[in-house]
C-alpha atoms as a PDB file:
ATOM      1  CA  UNK A   1      75.013 134.005  98.961  1.00  0.00           C
ATOM      2  CA  UNK A   2      74.815 136.639 101.287  1.00  0.00           C
ATOM      3  CA  UNK A   3      71.175 135.419 101.856  1.00  0.00           C
ATOM      4  CA  UNK A   4      72.294 132.249 103.397  1.00  0.00           C
ATOM      5  CA  UNK A   5      71.521 131.273 107.374  1.00  0.00           C
ATOM      6  CA  UNK A   6      73.613 130.961 110.464  1.00  0.00           C
ATOM      7  CA  UNK A   7      72.801 127.410 109.934  1.00  0.00           C
ATOM      8  CA  UNK A   8      73.605 127.219 105.866  1.00  0.00           C
ATOM      9  CA  UNK A   9      76.272 129.058 106.111  1.00  0.00           C
ATOM     10  CA  UNK A  10      77.457 126.751 109.003  1.00  0.00           C
ATOM     11  CA  UNK A  11      76.856 123.312 106.062  1.00  0.00           C
ATOM     12  CA  UNK A  12      78.325 125.725 103.577  1.00  0.00           C
ATOM     13  CA  UNK A  13      81.408 125.306 106.029  1.00  0.00           C
ATOM     14  CA  UNK A  14      81.107 121.835 106.773  1.00  0.00           C
ATOM     15  CA  UNK A  15      81.618 120.888 102.727  1.00  0.00           C
ATOM     16  CA  UNK A  16      83.847 123.133 102.549  1.00  0.00           C
ATOM     17  CA  UNK A  17      86.570 121.902 104.155  1.00  0.00           C
ATOM     18  CA  UNK A  18      84.947 117.900 104.260  1.00  0.00           C
ATOM     19  CA  UNK A  19      85.078 117.633 100.902  1.00  0.00           C
ATOM     20  CA  UNK A  20      87.967 119.972  99.511  1.00  0.00           C
ATOM     21  CA  UNK A  21      88.373 119.150  95.752  1.00  0.00           C
ATOM     22  CA  UNK A  22      85.093 121.205  95.281  1.00  0.00           C
ATOM     23  CA  UNK A  23      83.744 124.784  95.542  1.00  0.00           C
ATOM     24  CA  UNK A  24      80.815 124.832  97.010  1.00  0.00           C
ATOM     25  CA  UNK A  25      78.195 127.461  96.253  1.00  0.00           C
ATOM     26  CA  UNK A  26      74.739 128.711  97.116  1.00  0.00           C
ATOM     27  CA  UNK A  27      73.094 130.288  93.982  1.00  0.00           C
ATOM     28  CA  UNK A  28      69.034 130.487  93.829  1.00  0.00           C
ATOM     29  CA  UNK A  29      68.402 128.255  96.986  1.00  0.00           C
ATOM     30  CA  UNK A  30      70.761 125.314  94.682  1.00  0.00           C
ATOM     31  CA  UNK A  31      73.674 124.154  96.756  1.00  0.00           C
ATOM     32  CA  UNK A  32      76.340 123.202  93.653  1.00  0.00           C
ATOM     33  CA  UNK A  33      79.312 121.537  94.047  1.00  0.00           C
ATOM     34  CA  UNK A  34      82.336 121.864  90.984  1.00  0.00           C
ATOM     35  CA  UNK A  35      84.874 119.980  90.765  1.00  0.00           C
ATOM     36  CA  UNK A  36      88.041 121.875  90.797  1.00  0.00           C
ATOM     37  CA  UNK A  37      89.956 119.669  88.532  1.00  0.00           C
ATOM     38  CA  UNK A  38      87.712 118.323  85.552  1.00  0.00           C
ATOM     39  CA  UNK A  39      87.166 114.637  85.730  1.00  0.00           C
ATOM     40  CA  UNK A  40      89.643 112.429  83.407  1.00  0.00           C
ATOM     41  CA  UNK A  41      87.658 110.127  80.818  1.00  0.00           C
ATOM     42  CA  UNK A  42      88.093 107.425  82.700  1.00  0.00           C
ATOM     43  CA  UNK A  43      86.270 108.895  85.366  1.00  0.00           C
ATOM     44  CA  UNK A  44      83.499 110.338  84.208  1.00  0.00           C
ATOM     45  CA  UNK A  45      83.213 106.592  82.362  1.00  0.00           C
ATOM     46  CA  UNK A  46      83.071 105.912  86.124  1.00  0.00           C
ATOM     47  CA  UNK A  47      80.495 108.227  86.971  1.00  0.00           C
ATOM     48  CA  UNK A  48      82.001 111.034  88.600  1.00  0.00           C
ATOM     49  CA  UNK A  49      80.562 114.093  87.420  1.00  0.00           C
ATOM     50  CA  UNK A  50      82.150 118.278  86.837  1.00  0.00           C
ATOM     51  CA  UNK A  51      79.531 119.970  88.836  1.00  0.00           C
ATOM     52  CA  UNK A  52      76.436 118.754  90.902  1.00  0.00           C
ATOM     53  CA  UNK A  53      73.428 120.404  91.524  1.00  0.00           C
ATOM     54  CA  UNK A  54      71.206 119.577  94.943  1.00  0.00           C
ATOM     55  CA  UNK A  55      68.098 121.227  96.944  1.00  0.00           C
ATOM     56  CA  UNK A  56      69.908 120.818  99.874  1.00  0.00           C
ATOM     57  CA  UNK A  57      73.452 121.194 101.556  1.00  0.00           C
ATOM     58  CA  UNK A  58      71.843 117.363 103.312  1.00  0.00           C
ATOM     59  CA  UNK A  59      71.043 116.218  99.618  1.00  0.00           C
ATOM     60  CA  UNK A  60      74.741 117.407  97.945  1.00  0.00           C
ATOM     61  CA  UNK A  61      76.830 116.170 100.943  1.00  0.00           C
ATOM     62  CA  UNK A  62      74.941 112.669 100.095  1.00  0.00           C
ATOM     63  CA  UNK A  63      76.026 112.542  96.405  1.00  0.00           C
ATOM     64  CA  UNK A  64      79.356 114.321  96.982  1.00  0.00           C
ATOM     65  CA  UNK A  65      79.778 111.321  99.994  1.00  0.00           C
ATOM     66  CA  UNK A  66      79.098 108.958  95.980  1.00  0.00           C
ATOM     67  CA  UNK A  67      82.087 111.147  94.081  1.00  0.00           C
ATOM     68  CA  UNK A  68      84.324 110.678  97.131  1.00  0.00           C
ATOM     69  CA  UNK A  69      83.485 106.502  96.728  1.00  0.00           C
ATOM     70  CA  UNK A  70      84.341 106.415  93.209  1.00  0.00           C
ATOM     71  CA  UNK A  71      87.415 108.286  93.411  1.00  0.00           C
ATOM     72  CA  UNK A  72      88.559 105.756  96.002  1.00  0.00           C
ATOM     73  CA  UNK A  73      86.830 102.842  93.651  1.00  0.00           C
ATOM     74  CA  UNK A  74      89.876 104.156  91.483  1.00  0.00           C
ATOM     75  CA  UNK A  75      92.782 105.015  94.057  1.00  0.00           C
ATOM     76  CA  UNK A  76      92.793 108.325  92.996  1.00  0.00           C
ATOM     77  CA  UNK A  77      91.415 109.936  96.610  1.00  0.00           C
END
């Protein structure tokens, strides 16, 4: 994670603030998000993931927005 550019660090900070229920990291050029709390069986059935990986911060933000939508629909956000 020490090899991040200034722009990538800015994206990382923005993702951490925007999605506080997730631990965001970058490893080997892949952007990861891991939920602090494992999803319940009902949340899994609705499509909530425990961990996501995407090739860039914008793609990860899009995927996390979908995950947040699932929680909102379930009344858990």
